[in-house]
Amino acid sequence: MKQGFNYQAMGFFVYSLSTKASFPDSYWGLGVTTHQLYPESDVYDRCFDTAFRQLTAKDAVTERYHSDYCRALEERKRPDDAIVQGLAAIALNPDYAEAHKCLARAYLQKGDTKSAETHAEKVLHLLAAS
């Protein structure tokens, strides 16, 4: 079911880009869906990069974008790149739990258990407060 939804979503994002090539959310969505459907592909990097360029030009990059990219990079075993994106997310919103969760996993991949624990504790604190 999830895979079928991702194929439908990918079709929507491709169609959207065919009508308006400067729509960063469509590049972003295409990056997320290609990451999930084709884990061996690097298409997601190009999609995220294009979205970032367009969003930066509009000064519209949010913590969600950085956090999503952090997750994709962390799942691809690229912890150093993931940490850069996770830190960018919490620089925009220090209480963004998803970014802290991604940072905890990325630091754990690097073997930095102290930093991983710090971010995991922040996630627990944020979830308990909500």
Protein backbone atom coordinates (compact mmCIF):
# COMPACT_ATOMS: atom_id res chain seq x y z
CA MET A 1 0.00 0.00 0.00
CA LYS A 2 2.71 2.50 1.00
CA GLN A 3 4.67 1.78 -2.18
CA GLY A 4 1.55 2.31 -4.32
CA PHE A 5 0.93 5.62 -2.57
CA ASN A 6 4.53 6.66 -3.25
CA TYR A 7 4.13 5.89 -6.96
CA GLN A 8 0.96 7.99 -7.05
CA ALA A 9 2.68 10.80 -5.19
CA MET A 10 5.65 10.65 -7.55
CA GLY A 11 3.28 10.97 -10.52
CA PHE A 12 1.67 14.00 -8.91
CA PHE A 13 5.02 15.69 -8.26
CA VAL A 14 6.27 15.01 -11.80
CA TYR A 15 3.02 16.39 -13.24
CA SER A 16 3.26 19.43 -10.99
CA LEU A 17 6.80 20.11 -12.18
CA SER A 18 5.72 19.78 -15.80
CA THR A 19 3.29 22.65 -15.23
CA LYS A 20 5.44 24.81 -12.95
CA ALA A 21 9.15 24.00 -12.89
CA SER A 22 9.87 26.48 -10.11
CA PHE A 23 7.72 24.82 -7.43
CA PRO A 24 10.15 23.73 -4.67
CA ASP A 25 7.58 21.67 -2.76
CA SER A 26 7.22 19.40 -5.79
CA TYR A 27 10.97 18.89 -6.00
CA TRP A 28 10.95 18.23 -2.29
CA GLY A 29 8.15 15.69 -2.53
CA LEU A 30 9.83 14.02 -5.48
CA GLY A 31 13.03 13.77 -3.44
CA VAL A 32 11.21 12.12 -0.52
CA THR A 33 9.32 9.64 -2.72
CA THR A 34 12.35 8.67 -4.83
CA HIS A 35 14.34 8.16 -1.63
CA GLN A 36 11.67 5.73 -0.42
CA LEU A 37 11.06 3.95 -3.73
CA TYR A 38 14.59 3.79 -5.12
CA PRO A 39 17.05 3.65 -2.24
CA GLU A 40 19.97 2.96 -4.58
CA SER A 41 19.31 6.07 -6.70
CA ASP A 42 20.86 9.48 -6.19
CA VAL A 43 17.92 11.30 -7.78
CA TYR A 44 16.75 12.39 -4.33
CA ASP A 45 19.93 14.46 -3.88
CA ARG A 46 19.28 16.38 -7.09
CA CYS A 47 15.65 16.97 -6.11
CA PHE A 48 16.56 18.20 -2.63
CA ASP A 49 19.34 20.40 -4.02
CA THR A 50 16.97 21.99 -6.54
CA ALA A 51 14.36 22.59 -3.85
CA PHE A 52 16.96 24.15 -1.53
CA ARG A 53 18.20 26.49 -4.27
CA GLN A 54 14.66 27.66 -5.03
CA LEU A 55 13.70 27.99 -1.37
CA THR A 56 16.89 29.82 -0.45
CA ALA A 57 16.23 32.32 -3.22
CA LYS A 58 12.84 32.97 -1.60
CA ASP A 59 14.23 32.80 1.96
CA ALA A 60 11.68 30.07 2.67
CA VAL A 61 13.74 27.11 3.91
CA THR A 62 12.10 25.67 7.03
CA GLU A 63 13.16 23.20 9.68
CA ARG A 64 10.95 20.56 8.03
CA TYR A 65 13.00 20.63 4.84
CA HIS A 66 16.29 20.29 6.69
CA SER A 67 14.88 17.55 8.92
CA ASP A 68 13.47 15.53 6.01
CA TYR A 69 16.78 15.73 4.20
CA CYS A 70 18.57 14.77 7.42
CA ARG A 71 16.42 11.64 7.64
CA ALA A 72 17.06 10.67 4.01
CA LEU A 73 20.80 11.14 4.44
CA GLU A 74 20.88 9.27 7.74
CA GLU A 75 18.96 6.35 6.23
CA ARG A 76 21.52 6.30 3.39
CA LYS A 77 24.34 5.96 5.94
CA ARG A 78 25.65 9.49 5.32
CA PRO A 79 25.80 10.65 8.94
CA ASP A 80 28.10 13.64 8.40
CA ASP A 81 25.79 15.14 5.79
CA ALA A 82 22.75 14.25 7.90
CA ILE A 83 24.22 16.06 10.90
CA VAL A 84 24.69 19.23 8.84
CA GLN A 85 21.02 19.18 7.86
CA GLY A 86 19.82 18.28 11.36
CA LEU A 87 21.79 21.10 12.93
CA ALA A 88 20.39 23.51 10.33
CA ALA A 89 16.88 22.38 11.29
CA ILE A 90 17.36 22.98 15.01
CA ALA A 91 19.05 26.31 14.29
CA LEU A 92 15.70 27.36 12.82
CA ASN A 93 13.63 25.68 15.54
CA PRO A 94 15.45 24.27 18.59
CA ASP A 95 12.29 22.40 19.66
CA TYR A 96 11.79 20.45 16.41
CA ALA A 97 11.70 16.87 17.70
CA GLU A 98 12.07 15.18 14.30
CA ALA A 99 15.41 16.93 13.75
CA HIS A 100 16.68 15.86 17.17
CA LYS A 101 15.58 12.28 16.44
CA CYS A 102 17.50 12.31 13.16
CA LEU A 103 20.55 13.81 14.83
CA ALA A 104 20.48 11.11 17.51
CA ARG A 105 20.51 8.38 14.84
CA ALA A 106 23.21 10.10 12.76
CA TYR A 107 25.49 10.61 15.75
CA LEU A 108 24.93 6.99 16.73
CA GLN A 109 26.05 5.90 13.24
CA LYS A 110 29.26 7.86 13.79
CA GLY A 111 29.78 6.22 17.17
CA ASP A 112 29.29 9.48 19.07
CA THR A 113 27.05 8.06 21.79
CA LYS A 114 27.25 11.18 23.98
CA SER A 115 25.81 13.44 21.26
CA ALA A 116 23.29 10.77 20.27
CA GLU A 117 22.11 10.52 23.87
CA THR A 118 21.82 14.32 24.18
CA HIS A 119 19.52 14.52 21.16
CA ALA A 120 17.52 11.43 22.16
CA GLU A 121 16.91 12.97 25.59
CA LYS A 122 15.76 16.19 23.91
CA VAL A 123 13.24 14.19 21.86
CA LEU A 124 11.86 12.57 25.00
CA HIS A 125 11.66 15.92 26.75
CA LEU A 126 9.84 17.52 23.79
CA LEU A 127 7.39 14.64 23.46
CA ALA A 128 6.64 14.66 27.19
CA ALA A 129 5.96 18.40 27.05
CA SER A 130 3.51 18.13 24.16
